[in-house]
Amino acid sequence: MGTPLANKGLHWQHMLSSPVAPAAGSDEEKELFRHLQDQLADQFEHAFPDKLAPKTVIIIPSLTLDQEILQKIEGIVHYEERMLCMLMLLRMPRTQVVFVTSVPIAPVIVDYYLHLLPGITGDHARQRLTLLSCFDASPVPLTQKILDRPRLMQRIQQCIPPGHAAHMTCFNVTPLERTLSVKLNLPLYGCDPDLFSLGNKSNGRKLFRECGLKVPDGFEDLNTEVEIAEALVALKKQHPNLKRAVVKINEGFSGEGNAIFRYPDGIDPHRFSPQVLLPILPRQLTVVARNLSWETFLEKFAAMGGIVEAFMQAKETASPSVQCRINPLGKCDIISTHDQVLGGEDNQVFLGAYFPARQDYAVQLAELTMPLAEKLRDKGVIGRFGVDFLSLKDEEGQWQHYALEINLRKGGTTHPYVMLNYLTDGVYQADQGRYIIRSGQERYYFSTDNLVNPCYRGLIPHDLIDIAMDNELMYNGASQEGVMFHIIGALSEYGKLGVLSIGKTREDARRYYDRTKEVLLNNCV
């Protein structure tokens, strides 16, 4: 039974003060979470825009996603470092930041970020920064590690000074993050996990159609191997010349939950049937995630559901994305567009991105995405989310845009844009498709999490900083150009690094990146 409306305020305050937390996933926990979330609107209206307001931000960079697929990505524990861009919040002199990670972050990496703070000394920033670690690199979501450590949760709470407006921010929000929010008694700037299914592959296709967006021909709400086969056969009958199709797990990410099916040569679409297809399905289908077997992929597909859609091709294609934000007051903004760089077999894996997207279509993509943002807002979504598109140039030279998926979380294009935004105080003008800094100049960037070379192994963070300074690769705050590194912790063991290169033109940004690769190669032998 529900609590009478007149008593609800007292009821949830009593639950917050109770020494026994409500059970994870219970109705009581969800009610508490909703009441905590109600605080965000007031914080957003008053504390967020006031640079001198006393506030504390708890940053939990947990990748609470399928751990078996995540572990196929080398150095994945260091991907938590991508949210170090949020240390730029320390430029506000009365803001405290608490950053929690699975394993400790080297002091030289933290110093690298703090030296970029405009108008703030490193010492002043360090006094307002608390770094906490679980000292646990196991393949378990960071949020779960925190929940398993009650004393660590107490430390987090003790870091919040009295009178501070405080909230959590995470990479993505699942029931685990909701439980942590309630246990810490903190609102969480992100989408309620009960709404997360709105962004899965199947429901995304439905929302796209409701908003008038084109989607590739295909089928959603599939669960079994037979349903996959039936969908593949139906696509071939619709499009006799179709060579490939994509099978996607509903909750896959960065292409790692995808598989590519190749239709056998010489088949007659009219005689093609699920019975003919099923015996050959495993050998005609390539799972994108490295070393993930077809059997394991199928188990995950059965558990999460998924879709099958046509693999669309044209002489000229692009893979743009749009990043949106729905703030706690209900305002929808298009905050960036990107041209994604995809790699791996069949170009299914996200490798990096150019910002902003091409002038050919950046404005049009923003216009197409806004109705979707408004529909998600009306369903209760808040926070950042991204929409991926496939764009094909038709015979008349016009771009046709097909919506592929919604990511109700931060993503691979979030941290580079946040870093640019904090470094330059610029603004993305969605109606022009341009990013303008205070001087009125434009800025562009190229970013990747996947600069990988075996010869980088053995380079420790100190070496990287030395090389960058000796070769003038460091970001220049005066010119607002240059190079920023991230995922630095993965360099020595995995030979892997993230790079954000900022320039006055797209070509300048790429030149910074190419020079970075050249310099690193020349200094690691």
Protein backbone atom coordinates (compact mmCIF):
# COMPACT_ATOMS: atom_id res chain seq x y z
CA MET A 1 0.00 0.00 0.00
CA GLY A 2 1.19 3.55 -0.69
CA THR A 3 1.89 6.11 2.01
CA PRO A 4 -0.85 8.78 2.48
CA LEU A 5 0.16 11.96 0.69
CA ALA A 6 0.07 14.12 3.84
CA ASN A 7 2.54 11.81 5.58
CA LYS A 8 4.91 11.19 2.69
CA GLY A 9 7.44 13.87 3.65
CA LEU A 10 7.72 12.56 7.22
CA HIS A 11 7.76 8.99 5.94
CA TRP A 12 10.77 9.34 3.63
CA GLN A 13 12.68 11.54 6.12
CA HIS A 14 12.17 8.79 8.69
CA MET A 15 13.53 6.21 6.26
CA LEU A 16 16.61 8.37 5.60
CA SER A 17 17.33 8.62 9.33
CA SER A 18 16.70 4.93 9.94
CA PRO A 19 19.86 2.93 10.74
CA VAL A 20 18.66 0.14 8.43
CA ALA A 21 18.72 1.01 4.74
CA PRO A 22 15.82 -0.23 2.62
CA ALA A 23 16.44 -3.37 0.61
CA ALA A 24 18.11 -2.83 -2.76
CA GLY A 25 15.48 -2.53 -5.48
CA SER A 26 12.61 -2.29 -3.02
CA ASP A 27 9.71 0.12 -3.38
CA GLU A 28 10.99 1.97 -0.30
CA GLU A 29 14.39 2.48 -1.89
CA LYS A 30 12.82 3.74 -5.12
CA GLU A 31 10.61 6.16 -3.17
CA LEU A 32 13.64 7.49 -1.28
CA PHE A 33 15.56 7.88 -4.53
CA ARG A 34 12.74 9.89 -6.11
CA HIS A 35 12.63 12.25 -3.12
CA LEU A 36 16.40 12.71 -3.26
CA GLN A 37 16.13 13.49 -6.97
CA ASP A 38 13.64 16.26 -6.18
CA GLN A 39 16.57 18.19 -4.66
CA LEU A 40 18.32 18.47 -8.02
CA ALA A 41 16.01 21.13 -9.43
CA ASP A 42 16.79 23.51 -6.54
CA GLN A 43 20.52 22.76 -6.78
CA PHE A 44 20.52 23.29 -10.52
CA GLU A 45 18.69 26.59 -10.20
CA HIS A 46 20.76 28.05 -7.37
CA ALA A 47 24.01 26.20 -6.60
CA PHE A 48 25.07 24.99 -10.06
CA PRO A 49 25.31 28.41 -11.77
CA ASP A 50 26.85 30.20 -8.75
CA LYS A 51 30.63 29.79 -8.97
CA LEU A 52 31.00 30.83 -5.32
CA ALA A 53 28.26 28.60 -3.91
CA PRO A 54 29.58 25.99 -1.45
CA LYS A 55 28.98 22.63 -3.08
CA THR A 56 30.41 19.10 -3.20
CA VAL A 57 30.36 16.77 -6.19
CA ILE A 58 30.89 13.04 -5.61
CA ILE A 59 32.23 11.47 -8.81
CA ILE A 60 31.70 7.72 -9.25
CA PRO A 61 33.15 6.76 -12.67
CA SER A 62 31.83 3.20 -12.53
CA LEU A 63 31.26 1.44 -15.85
CA THR A 64 28.30 -0.56 -14.59
CA LEU A 65 27.87 -2.53 -17.77
CA ASP A 66 28.21 -6.18 -18.78
CA GLN A 67 31.51 -7.11 -17.13
CA GLU A 68 32.22 -10.11 -19.36
CA ILE A 69 32.13 -7.92 -22.46
CA LEU A 70 33.96 -5.06 -20.69
CA GLN A 71 36.87 -7.33 -19.85
CA LYS A 72 37.52 -7.79 -23.57
CA ILE A 73 38.71 -4.15 -23.59
CA GLU A 74 42.34 -3.89 -22.55
CA GLY A 75 43.02 -1.64 -19.58
CA ILE A 76 39.33 -1.19 -18.85
CA VAL A 77 39.88 -0.38 -15.15
CA HIS A 78 41.76 2.76 -16.25
CA TYR A 79 38.75 3.96 -18.26
CA GLU A 80 37.51 5.34 -14.93
CA GLU A 81 40.15 8.04 -15.47
CA ARG A 82 38.12 9.48 -18.33
CA MET A 83 35.98 11.29 -15.77
CA LEU A 84 39.03 13.11 -14.40
CA CYS A 85 37.82 15.86 -16.72
CA MET A 86 35.40 16.63 -13.87
CA LEU A 87 38.35 17.83 -11.77
CA MET A 88 37.95 21.05 -13.73
CA LEU A 89 35.03 21.77 -11.37
CA LEU A 90 37.73 22.81 -8.89
CA ARG A 91 38.13 26.06 -10.81
CA MET A 92 35.16 27.18 -8.68
CA PRO A 93 36.96 28.16 -5.45
CA ARG A 94 34.32 26.91 -2.99
CA THR A 95 33.62 23.60 -4.71
CA GLN A 96 34.78 20.30 -3.20
CA VAL A 97 35.31 17.22 -5.36
CA VAL A 98 35.42 13.63 -4.13
CA PHE A 99 36.67 11.21 -6.81
CA VAL A 100 36.37 7.47 -6.12
CA THR A 101 38.14 4.82 -8.22
CA SER A 102 38.80 1.09 -8.22
CA VAL A 103 42.58 1.54 -7.99
CA PRO A 104 44.61 4.59 -6.91
CA ILE A 105 45.43 7.25 -9.47
CA ALA A 106 49.07 8.28 -9.66
CA PRO A 107 49.70 11.77 -8.19
CA VAL A 108 51.48 12.84 -11.38
CA ILE A 109 48.25 12.22 -13.33
CA VAL A 110 46.19 14.28 -10.89
CA ASP A 111 48.77 17.09 -11.02
CA TYR A 112 48.59 16.98 -14.82
CA TYR A 113 44.89 17.87 -14.66
CA LEU A 114 45.16 20.41 -11.86
CA HIS A 115 47.81 22.49 -13.65
CA LEU A 116 45.14 23.38 -16.24
CA LEU A 117 42.82 25.10 -13.77
CA PRO A 118 42.45 28.78 -14.70
CA GLY A 119 42.78 31.28 -11.86
CA ILE A 120 43.31 28.60 -9.20
CA THR A 121 46.60 27.46 -7.67
CA GLY A 122 47.34 23.77 -7.53
CA ASP A 123 47.62 23.89 -3.74
CA HIS A 124 44.20 25.53 -3.38
CA ALA A 125 42.63 22.90 -5.65
CA ARG A 126 44.30 19.98 -3.85
CA GLN A 127 42.88 21.10 -0.52
CA ARG A 128 39.38 20.74 -2.01
CA LEU A 129 40.01 17.42 -3.76
CA THR A 130 39.64 14.05 -2.05
CA LEU A 131 40.76 10.92 -3.89
CA LEU A 132 39.44 7.63 -2.56
CA SER A 133 40.13 4.14 -3.85
CA CYS A 134 38.79 0.64 -3.33
CA PHE A 135 42.26 -0.83 -4.03
CA ASP A 136 40.45 -3.46 -6.06
CA ALA A 137 41.05 -4.08 -9.77
CA SER A 138 38.72 -7.09 -9.97
CA PRO A 139 36.14 -7.29 -12.81
CA VAL A 140 33.30 -5.96 -10.67
CA PRO A 141 31.58 -2.60 -11.19
CA LEU A 142 33.15 0.16 -9.09
CA THR A 143 29.77 0.98 -7.57
CA GLN A 144 29.43 -2.59 -6.28
CA LYS A 145 32.92 -2.37 -4.78
CA ILE A 146 31.90 0.79 -2.91
CA LEU A 147 28.66 -0.80 -1.67
CA ASP A 148 30.72 -3.72 -0.36
CA ARG A 149 32.84 -1.31 1.73
CA PRO A 150 30.69 0.40 4.41
CA ARG A 151 33.68 2.25 5.86
CA LEU A 152 34.46 3.71 2.44
CA MET A 153 30.88 4.96 2.18
CA GLN A 154 31.31 6.61 5.59
CA ARG A 155 34.47 8.31 4.34
CA ILE A 156 32.58 9.67 1.34
CA GLN A 157 29.87 11.09 3.57
CA GLN A 158 32.45 12.64 5.91
CA CYS A 159 33.96 14.52 2.95
CA ILE A 160 30.83 16.65 2.54
CA PRO A 161 31.12 19.83 4.67
CA PRO A 162 27.99 21.00 6.52
CA GLY A 163 25.85 23.36 4.48
CA HIS A 164 27.13 22.20 1.11
CA ALA A 165 24.79 21.42 -1.77
CA ALA A 166 25.95 17.94 -2.77
CA HIS A 167 25.18 15.42 -5.47
CA MET A 168 26.64 12.37 -7.21
CA THR A 169 27.56 12.05 -10.86
CA CYS A 170 28.28 8.70 -12.53
CA PHE A 171 29.18 7.31 -15.93
CA ASN A 172 25.89 5.44 -16.11
CA VAL A 173 23.03 4.85 -13.70
CA THR A 174 21.78 1.37 -12.85
CA PRO A 175 20.04 -0.04 -9.78
CA LEU A 176 23.49 -0.23 -8.15
CA GLU A 177 23.98 3.54 -8.46
CA ARG A 178 20.45 4.10 -7.15
CA THR A 179 21.26 2.00 -4.08
CA LEU A 180 24.48 3.94 -3.51
CA SER A 181 22.61 7.24 -3.89
CA VAL A 182 20.16 6.23 -1.18
CA LYS A 183 22.84 4.87 1.15
CA LEU A 184 24.84 8.10 0.82
CA ASN A 185 21.66 10.23 1.04
CA LEU A 186 22.68 12.10 -2.12
CA PRO A 187 20.76 12.97 -5.30
CA LEU A 188 22.27 11.64 -8.51
CA TYR A 189 22.44 13.73 -11.68
CA GLY A 190 21.40 11.05 -14.15
CA CYS A 191 18.57 8.99 -15.52
CA ASP A 192 16.43 6.95 -13.11
CA PRO A 193 17.40 3.30 -13.74
CA ASP A 194 13.72 2.39 -14.00
CA LEU A 195 13.77 4.37 -17.27
CA PHE A 196 16.98 2.81 -18.59
CA SER A 197 15.14 0.37 -20.85
CA LEU A 198 13.87 3.35 -22.87
CA GLY A 199 17.34 3.50 -24.38
CA ASN A 200 17.87 -0.13 -25.26
CA LYS A 201 18.16 -1.10 -28.91
CA SER A 202 14.58 -2.38 -29.27
CA ASN A 203 12.85 0.51 -27.53
CA GLY A 204 15.17 2.98 -29.22
CA ARG A 205 13.89 1.89 -32.62
CA LYS A 206 10.31 2.39 -31.43
CA LEU A 207 11.03 5.87 -30.06
CA PHE A 208 12.81 6.86 -33.27
CA ARG A 209 9.78 5.91 -35.34
CA GLU A 210 7.46 7.79 -32.94
CA CYS A 211 9.59 10.90 -33.49
CA GLY A 212 9.56 10.54 -37.28
CA LEU A 213 13.20 9.45 -37.56
CA LYS A 214 14.30 6.91 -40.13
CA VAL A 215 15.69 3.58 -38.91
CA PRO A 216 17.33 0.76 -40.87
CA ASP A 217 14.91 -1.99 -41.86
CA GLY A 218 14.88 -4.62 -39.17
CA PHE A 219 13.15 -6.25 -36.24
CA GLU A 220 13.19 -5.66 -32.49
CA ASP A 221 12.15 -7.48 -29.30
CA LEU A 222 13.94 -10.67 -30.30
CA ASN A 223 15.25 -13.21 -27.79
CA THR A 224 16.00 -16.58 -29.35
CA GLU A 225 18.25 -18.04 -31.99
CA VAL A 226 15.17 -18.98 -34.00
CA GLU A 227 13.88 -15.39 -33.89
CA ILE A 228 17.29 -14.15 -35.07
CA ALA A 229 17.15 -16.58 -37.99
CA GLU A 230 13.59 -15.60 -38.86
CA ALA A 231 14.54 -11.91 -38.87
CA LEU A 232 17.60 -12.51 -41.06
CA VAL A 233 15.52 -14.47 -43.54
CA ALA A 234 12.78 -11.82 -43.62
CA LEU A 235 15.39 -9.10 -44.31
CA LYS A 236 16.82 -11.06 -47.20
CA LYS A 237 13.37 -11.49 -48.72
CA GLN A 238 12.77 -7.73 -48.40
CA HIS A 239 16.19 -6.88 -49.84
CA PRO A 240 17.42 -9.69 -52.15
CA ASN A 241 20.77 -7.89 -52.71
CA LEU A 242 21.50 -7.48 -49.00
CA LYS A 243 24.96 -8.84 -48.18
CA ARG A 244 25.13 -8.31 -44.41
CA ALA A 245 22.97 -7.69 -41.37
CA VAL A 246 23.74 -6.62 -37.80
CA VAL A 247 22.59 -8.54 -34.73
CA LYS A 248 22.66 -6.33 -31.61
CA ILE A 249 22.16 -7.12 -27.94
CA ASN A 250 19.76 -4.61 -26.41
CA GLU A 251 22.24 -3.38 -23.82
CA GLY A 252 25.47 -3.58 -25.82
CA PHE A 253 27.87 -0.61 -25.91
CA SER A 254 30.56 0.80 -28.21
CA GLY A 255 29.72 -1.90 -30.75
CA GLU A 256 30.91 -4.63 -28.36
CA GLY A 257 27.40 -6.12 -28.14
CA ASN A 258 27.09 -6.49 -31.91
CA ALA A 259 27.61 -9.34 -34.35
CA ILE A 260 27.75 -9.23 -38.15
CA PHE A 261 25.94 -11.81 -40.26
CA ARG A 262 27.13 -12.44 -43.80
CA TYR A 263 24.62 -13.96 -46.17
CA PRO A 264 26.07 -16.95 -48.05
CA ASP A 265 26.83 -16.32 -51.71
CA GLY A 266 24.40 -17.63 -54.29
CA ILE A 267 21.41 -18.19 -52.03
CA ASP A 268 17.93 -17.87 -53.48
CA PRO A 269 16.04 -15.42 -51.23
CA HIS A 270 12.74 -17.10 -52.10
CA ARG A 271 13.96 -20.53 -50.96
CA PHE A 272 15.85 -19.19 -47.96
CA SER A 273 14.24 -20.26 -44.67
CA PRO A 274 15.05 -20.32 -40.95
CA GLN A 275 15.48 -24.09 -41.22
CA VAL A 276 18.14 -23.61 -43.89
CA LEU A 277 19.82 -20.80 -41.96
CA LEU A 278 19.99 -22.19 -38.43
CA PRO A 279 22.68 -24.85 -39.07
CA ILE A 280 25.01 -22.32 -40.71
CA LEU A 281 24.22 -19.35 -38.47
CA PRO A 282 27.23 -19.67 -36.11
CA ARG A 283 29.80 -19.80 -38.91
CA GLN A 284 28.21 -16.95 -40.90
CA LEU A 285 28.08 -14.65 -37.90
CA THR A 286 31.09 -12.75 -36.45
CA VAL A 287 30.87 -11.49 -32.88
CA VAL A 288 32.50 -8.05 -32.57
CA ALA A 289 33.72 -8.40 -28.96
CA ARG A 290 37.14 -10.02 -28.99
CA ASN A 291 37.18 -13.67 -27.84
CA LEU A 292 33.46 -13.72 -27.07
CA SER A 293 32.04 -17.00 -28.36
CA TRP A 294 28.82 -17.34 -30.31
CA GLU A 295 27.38 -19.45 -27.48
CA THR A 296 28.07 -16.73 -24.90
CA PHE A 297 26.75 -14.04 -27.24
CA LEU A 298 23.56 -16.05 -27.71
CA GLU A 299 23.13 -16.46 -23.93
CA LYS A 300 23.41 -12.71 -23.45
CA PHE A 301 21.03 -12.08 -26.35
CA ALA A 302 18.48 -14.43 -24.78
CA ALA A 303 18.83 -12.71 -21.39
CA MET A 304 18.73 -9.09 -22.59
CA GLY A 305 16.89 -9.34 -25.90
CA GLY A 306 17.99 -7.57 -29.03
CA ILE A 307 17.43 -6.59 -32.63
CA VAL A 308 18.39 -7.52 -36.17
CA GLU A 309 18.73 -4.80 -38.77
CA ALA A 310 20.05 -4.36 -42.27
CA PHE A 311 23.70 -3.42 -42.73
CA MET A 312 23.30 -0.32 -44.87
CA GLN A 313 25.95 0.87 -47.29
CA ALA A 314 26.52 3.66 -49.80
CA LYS A 315 29.44 5.16 -51.72
CA GLU A 316 29.75 7.81 -49.00
CA THR A 317 28.78 7.10 -45.41
CA ALA A 318 29.30 8.76 -42.04
CA SER A 319 28.64 7.80 -38.41
CA PRO A 320 27.65 11.00 -36.60
CA SER A 321 26.30 11.25 -33.08
CA VAL A 322 24.40 13.90 -31.15
CA GLN A 323 24.87 14.53 -27.44
CA CYS A 324 21.93 15.98 -25.52
CA ARG A 325 21.28 17.14 -21.99
CA ILE A 326 17.98 17.32 -20.14
CA ASN A 327 18.51 19.40 -17.04
CA PRO A 328 16.61 18.94 -13.74
CA LEU A 329 14.35 21.88 -14.66
CA GLY A 330 13.24 20.06 -17.83
CA LYS A 331 15.16 22.11 -20.41
CA CYS A 332 16.50 20.16 -23.40
CA ASP A 333 19.76 21.19 -25.07
CA ILE A 334 21.79 19.84 -27.95
CA ILE A 335 25.27 20.19 -26.48
CA SER A 336 27.42 18.64 -29.21
CA THR A 337 27.58 16.73 -32.48
CA HIS A 338 30.42 14.42 -33.47
CA ASP A 339 31.62 12.42 -36.44
CA GLN A 340 32.53 9.08 -34.96
CA VAL A 341 35.53 7.09 -36.14
CA LEU A 342 34.73 3.39 -36.19
CA GLY A 343 37.12 0.49 -36.58
CA GLY A 344 37.48 -3.23 -36.23
CA GLU A 345 36.04 -5.69 -38.69
CA ASP A 346 32.98 -4.16 -40.38
CA ASN A 347 33.56 -0.83 -38.58
CA GLN A 348 31.49 -1.66 -35.52
CA VAL A 349 33.83 -0.53 -32.71
CA PHE A 350 33.99 3.10 -31.53
CA LEU A 351 37.57 4.39 -31.78
CA GLY A 352 37.27 8.17 -31.60
CA ALA A 353 35.48 11.25 -32.90
CA TYR A 354 35.80 14.64 -34.54
CA PHE A 355 33.97 17.59 -33.03
CA PRO A 356 31.82 19.20 -34.24
CA ALA A 357 30.20 17.04 -36.91
CA ARG A 358 30.49 18.10 -40.55
CA GLN A 359 28.80 21.31 -41.58
CA ASP A 360 26.97 19.25 -44.22
CA TYR A 361 24.57 17.92 -41.63
CA ALA A 362 25.39 19.06 -38.05
CA VAL A 363 22.46 21.49 -37.87
CA GLN A 364 20.05 19.01 -39.43
CA LEU A 365 21.05 16.29 -36.93
CA ALA A 366 20.38 18.66 -34.03
CA GLU A 367 16.95 19.47 -35.44
CA LEU A 368 16.15 15.78 -35.89
CA THR A 369 17.21 14.91 -32.34
CA MET A 370 15.39 17.64 -30.40
CA PRO A 371 11.91 16.01 -30.62
CA LEU A 372 13.44 12.81 -29.25
CA ALA A 373 15.00 14.72 -26.34
CA GLU A 374 11.64 16.31 -25.58
CA LYS A 375 9.88 12.93 -25.66
CA LEU A 376 12.46 11.43 -23.28
CA ARG A 377 12.07 14.45 -20.99
CA ASP A 378 8.31 13.91 -20.94
CA LYS A 379 8.98 10.33 -19.85
CA GLY A 380 11.08 11.56 -16.92
CA VAL A 381 14.63 11.29 -18.25
CA ILE A 382 17.26 13.76 -16.99
CA GLY A 383 21.00 14.03 -17.60
CA ARG A 384 23.20 13.49 -20.62
CA PHE A 385 22.46 11.02 -23.37
CA GLY A 386 23.69 10.37 -26.88
CA VAL A 387 22.09 9.30 -30.15
CA ASP A 388 24.07 7.48 -32.83
CA PHE A 389 23.21 7.83 -36.52
CA LEU A 390 24.24 6.24 -39.78
CA SER A 391 24.29 8.81 -42.59
CA LEU A 392 24.32 7.84 -46.26
CA LYS A 393 24.67 10.16 -49.22
CA ASP A 394 22.05 9.36 -51.87
CA GLU A 395 22.34 9.60 -55.66
CA GLU A 396 21.19 13.23 -55.55
CA GLY A 397 24.03 14.08 -53.17
CA GLN A 398 21.72 14.52 -50.17
CA TRP A 399 22.48 13.01 -46.78
CA GLN A 400 19.93 10.56 -45.43
CA HIS A 401 20.14 9.99 -41.67
CA TYR A 402 19.14 6.74 -39.96
CA ALA A 403 18.93 6.65 -36.17
CA LEU A 404 20.68 3.62 -34.69
CA GLU A 405 20.67 3.78 -30.91
CA ILE A 406 20.18 5.85 -27.76
CA ASN A 407 22.75 5.81 -24.96
CA LEU A 408 21.09 7.02 -21.73
CA ARG A 409 24.47 7.64 -20.11
CA LYS A 410 27.77 9.33 -20.66
CA GLY A 411 29.79 7.90 -23.53
CA GLY A 412 32.98 8.08 -25.51
CA THR A 413 32.20 11.61 -26.72
CA THR A 414 31.30 12.98 -23.27
CA HIS A 415 34.67 13.43 -21.58
CA PRO A 416 36.44 15.17 -24.49
CA TYR A 417 33.59 17.65 -24.88
CA VAL A 418 33.44 18.29 -21.12
CA MET A 419 37.21 18.91 -21.12
CA LEU A 420 36.97 21.32 -24.04
CA ASN A 421 34.08 23.13 -22.41
CA TYR A 422 35.90 23.61 -19.10
CA LEU A 423 39.17 24.62 -20.78
CA THR A 424 37.71 27.23 -23.13
CA ASP A 425 34.41 28.39 -21.58
CA GLY A 426 32.97 28.13 -25.07
CA VAL A 427 29.52 27.14 -26.25
CA TYR A 428 28.23 24.84 -28.97
CA GLN A 429 25.78 26.71 -31.18
CA ALA A 430 23.53 23.92 -32.39
CA ASP A 431 21.71 26.18 -34.86
CA GLN A 432 25.03 26.80 -36.62
CA GLY A 433 26.89 23.57 -35.91
CA ARG A 434 29.87 25.53 -34.53
CA TYR A 435 31.73 25.75 -31.22
CA ILE A 436 32.62 29.33 -30.31
CA ILE A 437 35.03 30.37 -27.53
CA ARG A 438 34.99 33.72 -25.71
CA SER A 439 37.22 35.42 -28.28
CA GLY A 440 34.68 34.59 -31.00
CA GLN A 441 36.99 32.04 -32.61
CA GLU A 442 35.97 28.50 -33.43
CA ARG A 443 37.52 25.38 -31.93
CA TYR A 444 37.58 21.80 -33.16
CA TYR A 445 38.99 18.59 -31.77
CA PHE A 446 39.83 15.02 -32.51
CA SER A 447 39.62 12.59 -29.62
CA THR A 448 40.34 8.91 -29.14
CA ASP A 449 40.55 6.43 -26.27
CA ASN A 450 42.48 4.05 -28.50
CA LEU A 451 45.95 5.31 -29.31
CA VAL A 452 47.65 1.93 -28.94
CA ASN A 453 51.16 0.78 -29.76
CA PRO A 454 53.10 -2.08 -28.12
CA CYS A 455 56.20 0.12 -28.03
CA TYR A 456 54.48 2.47 -25.57
CA ARG A 457 54.56 -0.27 -22.94
CA GLY A 458 56.96 0.60 -20.16
CA LEU A 459 56.38 4.34 -20.49
CA ILE A 460 55.22 5.51 -17.06
CA PRO A 461 53.12 8.68 -16.57
CA HIS A 462 56.23 10.72 -15.67
CA ASP A 463 57.78 9.73 -19.01
CA LEU A 464 54.70 10.83 -20.91
CA ILE A 465 54.67 14.24 -19.20
CA ASP A 466 58.40 14.69 -19.89
CA ILE A 467 57.93 13.80 -23.57
CA ALA A 468 54.92 16.11 -23.91
CA MET A 469 56.73 19.08 -22.35
CA ASP A 470 59.96 18.51 -24.29
CA ASN A 471 58.04 18.44 -27.57
CA GLU A 472 55.54 21.25 -26.83
CA LEU A 473 52.55 18.91 -26.89
CA MET A 474 50.97 20.30 -23.73
CA TYR A 475 47.67 22.16 -24.04
CA ASN A 476 48.33 25.92 -24.23
CA GLY A 477 45.81 27.91 -22.19
CA ALA A 478 46.80 31.17 -23.89
CA SER A 479 46.14 30.00 -27.44
CA GLN A 480 43.52 27.44 -26.34
CA GLU A 481 45.05 24.80 -28.58
CA GLY A 482 47.09 21.69 -28.02
CA VAL A 483 46.92 18.17 -26.66
CA MET A 484 45.38 16.63 -23.54
CA PHE A 485 46.01 13.02 -22.51
CA HIS A 486 43.65 10.71 -20.66
CA ILE A 487 43.59 7.03 -19.58
CA ILE A 488 47.24 7.67 -18.74
CA GLY A 489 47.22 4.84 -16.19
CA ALA A 490 46.88 2.27 -19.00
CA LEU A 491 50.03 3.40 -20.80
CA SER A 492 52.78 1.40 -19.12
CA GLU A 493 51.01 -1.97 -18.92
CA TYR A 494 48.90 -1.91 -22.07
CA GLY A 495 50.64 0.59 -24.35
CA LYS A 496 47.33 2.42 -24.54
CA LEU A 497 46.46 6.08 -24.23
CA GLY A 498 43.63 8.53 -24.79
CA VAL A 499 44.26 11.79 -26.64
CA LEU A 500 42.24 15.00 -27.06
CA SER A 501 43.78 17.33 -29.66
CA ILE A 502 42.25 20.81 -29.95
CA GLY A 503 42.79 23.17 -32.88
CA LYS A 504 41.39 26.21 -34.67
CA THR A 505 40.26 23.98 -37.56
CA ARG A 506 39.45 20.31 -37.94
CA GLU A 507 42.69 19.95 -39.91
CA ASP A 508 44.69 21.61 -37.12
CA ALA A 509 43.19 19.24 -34.57
CA ARG A 510 44.15 16.25 -36.68
CA ARG A 511 47.69 17.61 -37.16
CA TYR A 512 48.15 17.86 -33.40
CA TYR A 513 47.07 14.24 -33.10
CA ASP A 514 49.31 13.01 -35.91
CA ARG A 515 52.27 14.88 -34.42
CA THR A 516 51.53 13.31 -31.03
CA LYS A 517 51.70 9.84 -32.55
CA GLU A 518 54.96 10.70 -34.31
CA VAL A 519 56.56 12.14 -31.16
CA LEU A 520 55.55 9.17 -29.01
CA LEU A 521 56.86 6.73 -31.59
CA ASN A 522 60.20 8.56 -31.76
CA ASN A 523 60.53 8.57 -27.98
CA CYS A 524 59.59 5.03 -27.07
CA VAL A 525 62.38 3.19 -28.89
